[in-house]
Amino acid sequence: MSTSFSNVALITGASGGIGEQFARIHAAKGGDLVLVARNQSRLETLKNELEKQFSISVLVIAQDLSTPNAAQAVFEATQAANIEVNILINNAGFGGHGKFHERDWDADLAMIQLNIIALTQLTHLYLPAMVARNQGRVLNVSSTASFIPGPLQAVYYATKAFVTSFSQAIANEVADKNITVTALCPGAVATGFVKAGNLDGVDIWKNAKSAESVAKFGYKAMEKGQLVAINERSLSLLLNWITPLLPRKTVLKMSRNIMEKSH
């Protein structure tokens, strides 16, 4: 059976949280989807719902992007289906709490593989066709964590620093090709991230924003072609205008206090 795809958004981490909300937003606009995540059954459920509700086409790719060469497998699946990706949303990612020297190395390696390697490789695979077409959008989900070092989440904060820096650099490189690259840098978001990252008891998540609100904000920022989009004005002020002026040790102390658990 041949299915025609158009205005396609490829979304990683699409089985829940912000990724699922991105899928719903794009589908509501009549765009087709490529949904990538580990959980095939959840992806299939979302596919069936969105195809029925919005009369769109959805390709599901069950792939664990924290494993080597997973990004290449995703690319080959879209190539085999003859799908042209117009929008790449690198949303998948996870964190982890604890002192670096006490954490499990394999967990941190998987985090680097997902948050950095898969994101970078997917961008490298899909960007050339966008350049050739002189059209495309990339949205990389980073974090406000990308602006400062993160004691007790050292590797996670560092991976997000990479994402925000990388996104801005390539945005500059392809600006003359009618392609935008946006780094979405939300504060705390109410998703499965807290449980997955062993972050229960960290007070900052008590005021977490909804995944839906963050996805709406991010999608609009992408449409506008914003370089870096922070979803909370107070955080934008703090990170852009206040913390850069503070002594490094003060920033580290503040950052550590935010990540300390209350129990």
Protein backbone atom coordinates (compact mmCIF):
# COMPACT_ATOMS: atom_id res chain seq x y z
CA MET A 1 0.00 0.00 0.00
CA SER A 2 1.46 3.34 -1.07
CA THR A 3 0.84 6.29 1.23
CA SER A 4 1.72 9.82 0.25
CA PHE A 5 3.40 11.98 2.89
CA SER A 6 3.69 15.78 2.83
CA ASN A 7 4.76 18.52 5.24
CA VAL A 8 6.40 15.83 7.36
CA ALA A 9 7.66 16.39 10.88
CA LEU A 10 9.95 13.71 12.30
CA ILE A 11 9.71 13.74 16.09
CA THR A 12 11.90 11.74 18.46
CA GLY A 13 10.71 10.81 21.92
CA ALA A 14 7.19 10.96 20.52
CA SER A 15 5.49 8.36 22.74
CA GLY A 16 4.77 10.81 25.57
CA GLY A 17 5.51 14.16 27.16
CA ILE A 18 6.60 17.09 24.99
CA GLY A 19 7.18 14.86 21.96
CA GLU A 20 3.62 13.57 21.95
CA GLN A 21 2.33 17.13 22.24
CA PHE A 22 4.48 18.22 19.30
CA ALA A 23 2.89 15.39 17.30
CA ARG A 24 -0.61 16.56 18.22
CA ILE A 25 0.16 20.17 17.28
CA HIS A 26 1.62 19.26 13.89
CA ALA A 27 -1.20 16.82 13.13
CA ALA A 28 -3.80 19.48 13.97
CA LYS A 29 -2.17 21.67 11.32
CA GLY A 30 -2.67 18.89 8.77
CA GLY A 31 0.95 17.79 8.65
CA ASP A 32 2.08 14.18 8.32
CA LEU A 33 4.35 12.57 10.91
CA VAL A 34 7.24 10.21 11.51
CA LEU A 35 7.12 9.21 15.17
CA VAL A 36 10.22 7.74 16.80
CA ALA A 37 10.51 6.23 20.30
CA ARG A 38 11.27 2.94 22.03
CA ASN A 39 7.67 2.05 22.88
CA GLN A 40 6.06 0.68 19.72
CA SER A 41 2.61 0.06 21.23
CA ARG A 42 2.31 3.64 22.48
CA LEU A 43 3.44 4.96 19.12
CA GLU A 44 0.89 2.77 17.31
CA THR A 45 -1.88 3.99 19.62
CA LEU A 46 -0.95 7.61 18.92
CA LYS A 47 -0.67 6.92 15.18
CA ASN A 48 -4.16 5.43 15.03
CA GLU A 49 -5.65 8.29 17.03
CA LEU A 50 -4.05 11.06 14.96
CA GLU A 51 -4.70 9.43 11.58
CA LYS A 52 -8.36 9.00 12.46
CA GLN A 53 -8.82 12.46 13.98
CA PHE A 54 -6.91 14.55 11.43
CA SER A 55 -6.87 12.35 8.27
CA ILE A 56 -3.08 12.46 8.12
CA SER A 57 -0.40 9.82 7.48
CA VAL A 58 1.88 8.62 10.27
CA LEU A 59 4.94 6.37 10.06
CA VAL A 60 5.99 4.73 13.31
CA ILE A 61 9.64 3.80 13.90
CA ALA A 62 10.33 1.93 17.15
CA GLN A 63 13.97 2.65 17.89
CA ASP A 64 16.06 3.14 21.03
CA LEU A 65 18.13 6.20 20.18
CA SER A 66 20.37 5.68 23.20
CA THR A 67 22.03 2.82 21.30
CA PRO A 68 24.75 3.27 18.65
CA ASN A 69 23.66 3.55 14.99
CA ALA A 70 19.97 3.98 15.91
CA ALA A 71 19.86 7.35 14.12
CA GLN A 72 21.11 5.70 10.92
CA ALA A 73 18.38 3.07 11.21
CA VAL A 74 15.74 5.80 11.52
CA PHE A 75 17.11 7.58 8.45
CA GLU A 76 17.14 4.37 6.42
CA ALA A 77 13.52 3.66 7.40
CA THR A 78 12.36 7.05 6.09
CA GLN A 79 14.47 6.60 2.95
CA ALA A 80 12.90 3.19 2.33
CA ALA A 81 9.43 4.74 2.72
CA ASN A 82 10.44 7.56 0.35
CA ILE A 83 9.54 10.17 2.96
CA GLU A 84 10.89 13.69 2.71
CA VAL A 85 11.35 15.21 6.17
CA ASN A 86 10.52 18.93 6.23
CA ILE A 87 10.76 19.45 9.98
CA LEU A 88 13.15 17.61 12.30
CA ILE A 89 12.25 17.79 15.99
CA ASN A 90 14.99 16.28 18.13
CA ASN A 91 13.05 15.96 21.36
CA ALA A 92 14.23 12.69 22.94
CA GLY A 93 16.47 13.00 25.97
CA PHE A 94 16.89 12.05 29.61
CA GLY A 95 18.77 13.13 32.73
CA GLY A 96 20.05 11.50 35.88
CA HIS A 97 20.68 12.62 39.46
CA GLY A 98 23.72 12.03 41.63
CA LYS A 99 27.43 12.73 41.96
CA PHE A 100 29.24 11.91 38.73
CA HIS A 101 31.81 9.59 40.33
CA GLU A 102 29.03 7.60 42.02
CA ARG A 103 26.75 7.26 39.01
CA ASP A 104 26.55 4.24 36.72
CA TRP A 105 28.79 4.87 33.71
CA ASP A 106 26.56 2.98 31.29
CA ALA A 107 23.63 5.24 32.24
CA ASP A 108 25.66 8.38 31.56
CA LEU A 109 27.03 6.93 28.32
CA ALA A 110 23.47 6.20 27.15
CA MET A 111 22.56 9.78 28.08
CA ILE A 112 25.39 11.17 25.96
CA GLN A 113 24.44 8.83 23.12
CA LEU A 114 20.83 10.03 23.17
CA ASN A 115 21.16 13.70 24.10
CA ILE A 116 24.17 14.43 21.89
CA ILE A 117 25.12 11.70 19.41
CA ALA A 118 21.65 10.74 18.15
CA LEU A 119 20.54 14.38 17.92
CA THR A 120 23.68 15.40 16.06
CA GLN A 121 23.61 12.41 13.73
CA LEU A 122 19.93 12.83 12.83
CA THR A 123 20.60 16.49 12.05
CA HIS A 124 23.58 15.50 9.92
CA LEU A 125 21.50 12.94 8.03
CA TYR A 126 18.45 15.12 7.32
CA LEU A 127 20.03 18.56 6.86
CA PRO A 128 21.65 17.97 3.44
CA ALA A 129 18.27 17.32 1.78
CA MET A 130 16.87 20.47 3.41
CA VAL A 131 19.80 22.45 2.03
CA ALA A 132 19.25 20.93 -1.43
CA ARG A 133 15.56 21.89 -1.31
CA ASN A 134 16.33 25.32 0.15
CA GLN A 135 13.71 24.71 2.84
CA GLY A 136 13.47 23.15 6.28
CA ARG A 137 13.21 23.57 10.01
CA VAL A 138 15.08 21.94 12.87
CA LEU A 139 13.91 22.16 16.48
CA ASN A 140 16.30 20.81 19.10
CA VAL A 141 14.86 20.46 22.59
CA SER A 142 17.54 21.69 24.95
CA SER A 143 17.03 23.10 28.44
CA THR A 144 17.65 26.10 30.65
CA ALA A 145 20.23 23.72 32.13
CA SER A 146 22.34 24.44 29.05
CA PHE A 147 23.30 27.89 30.34
CA ILE A 148 25.10 26.83 33.55
CA PRO A 149 27.09 23.87 34.93
CA GLY A 150 25.00 21.40 36.93
CA PRO A 151 26.42 19.75 40.03
CA LEU A 152 24.44 16.54 40.74
CA GLN A 153 23.44 16.46 37.06
CA ALA A 154 26.87 17.13 35.59
CA VAL A 155 26.54 15.10 32.39
CA TYR A 156 22.94 16.11 31.66
CA TYR A 157 23.66 19.84 31.94
CA ALA A 158 26.76 19.39 29.78
CA THR A 159 24.83 17.55 27.07
CA LYS A 160 22.30 20.35 26.90
CA ALA A 161 25.08 22.96 26.72
CA PHE A 162 26.23 21.11 23.61
CA VAL A 163 22.72 21.15 22.11
CA THR A 164 22.22 24.89 22.57
CA SER A 165 25.69 25.75 21.22
CA PHE A 166 25.45 23.32 18.28
CA SER A 167 21.97 24.54 17.30
CA GLN A 168 23.03 28.19 17.12
CA ALA A 169 26.15 27.42 15.13
CA ILE A 170 24.41 25.43 12.42
CA ALA A 171 21.55 27.96 12.35
CA ASN A 172 24.14 30.49 11.23
CA GLU A 173 25.59 28.10 8.65
CA VAL A 174 22.28 27.40 6.91
CA ALA A 175 20.61 30.80 7.35
CA ASP A 176 21.05 31.57 3.64
CA LYS A 177 19.33 28.29 2.68
CA ASN A 178 15.88 29.21 4.02
CA ILE A 179 16.40 26.82 6.94
CA THR A 180 15.89 27.70 10.59
CA VAL A 181 17.36 25.93 13.61
CA THR A 182 15.86 26.57 17.02
CA ALA A 183 17.02 25.50 20.48
CA LEU A 184 14.04 25.20 22.80
CA CYS A 185 15.24 25.73 26.38
CA PRO A 186 12.39 25.09 28.82
CA GLY A 187 12.62 25.16 32.57
CA ALA A 188 11.04 22.35 34.60
CA VAL A 189 8.40 20.41 32.64
CA ALA A 190 5.88 17.94 34.05
CA THR A 191 6.76 14.74 32.14
CA GLY A 192 8.18 11.29 32.85
CA PHE A 193 11.61 12.98 32.96
CA VAL A 194 11.49 13.33 36.77
CA LYS A 195 10.94 9.64 37.45
CA ALA A 196 13.33 8.49 34.72
CA GLY A 197 16.07 10.78 36.00
CA ASN A 198 15.65 9.95 39.72
CA LEU A 199 14.69 13.56 40.40
CA ASP A 200 11.84 13.02 42.87
CA GLY A 201 12.28 15.37 45.79
CA VAL A 202 13.99 18.13 43.79
CA ASP A 203 11.88 21.18 44.59
CA ILE A 204 12.18 22.88 41.20
CA TRP A 205 9.66 20.41 39.73
CA LYS A 206 6.91 21.54 42.09
CA ASN A 207 6.18 24.42 39.70
CA ALA A 208 6.77 22.51 36.48
CA LYS A 209 5.02 23.69 33.33
CA SER A 210 2.80 21.33 31.33
CA ALA A 211 4.24 19.45 28.38
CA GLU A 212 1.44 20.88 26.21
CA SER A 213 2.32 24.50 27.04
CA VAL A 214 6.02 23.92 26.38
CA ALA A 215 5.33 22.18 23.06
CA LYS A 216 3.04 25.02 21.91
CA PHE A 217 5.66 27.59 22.86
CA GLY A 218 8.42 25.62 21.14
CA TYR A 219 6.47 24.98 17.94
CA LYS A 220 5.66 28.70 17.62
CA ALA A 221 9.30 29.60 18.27
CA MET A 222 10.32 27.20 15.52
CA GLU A 223 7.81 28.72 13.11
CA LYS A 224 9.24 32.18 13.86
CA GLY A 225 12.77 30.88 13.35
CA GLN A 226 13.96 31.90 16.82
CA LEU A 227 17.52 30.90 17.69
CA VAL A 228 17.01 30.20 21.39
CA ALA A 229 13.58 30.05 23.00
CA ILE A 230 13.13 30.08 26.80
CA ASN A 231 9.54 29.49 27.89
CA GLU A 232 9.67 31.49 31.14
CA ARG A 233 10.50 35.20 31.13
CA SER A 234 11.95 35.13 34.64
CA LEU A 235 14.34 32.36 33.64
CA SER A 236 15.28 34.20 30.45
CA LEU A 237 16.16 37.29 32.48
CA LEU A 238 18.11 35.27 35.03
CA LEU A 239 20.11 33.21 32.53
CA ASN A 240 20.78 35.90 29.92
CA TRP A 241 21.37 38.96 32.08
CA ILE A 242 22.10 38.00 35.70
CA THR A 243 24.05 34.72 36.00
CA PRO A 244 26.64 35.77 33.35
CA LEU A 245 27.65 38.62 35.69
CA LEU A 246 27.95 36.51 38.83
CA PRO A 247 31.16 34.81 40.04
CA ARG A 248 31.43 31.22 38.79
CA LYS A 249 31.51 29.76 42.29
CA THR A 250 28.30 31.61 43.15
CA VAL A 251 26.59 30.22 40.05
CA LEU A 252 27.77 26.71 40.94
CA LYS A 253 26.45 27.04 44.49
CA MET A 254 23.07 28.26 43.20
CA SER A 255 22.94 25.45 40.65
CA ARG A 256 23.78 22.82 43.25
CA ASN A 257 21.14 24.12 45.67
CA ILE A 258 18.49 23.80 42.95
CA MET A 259 19.38 20.14 42.41
CA GLU A 260 19.57 19.11 46.08
CA LYS A 261 16.75 16.82 47.19
CA SER A 262 14.48 17.95 50.02
CA HIS A 263 14.27 14.51 51.60
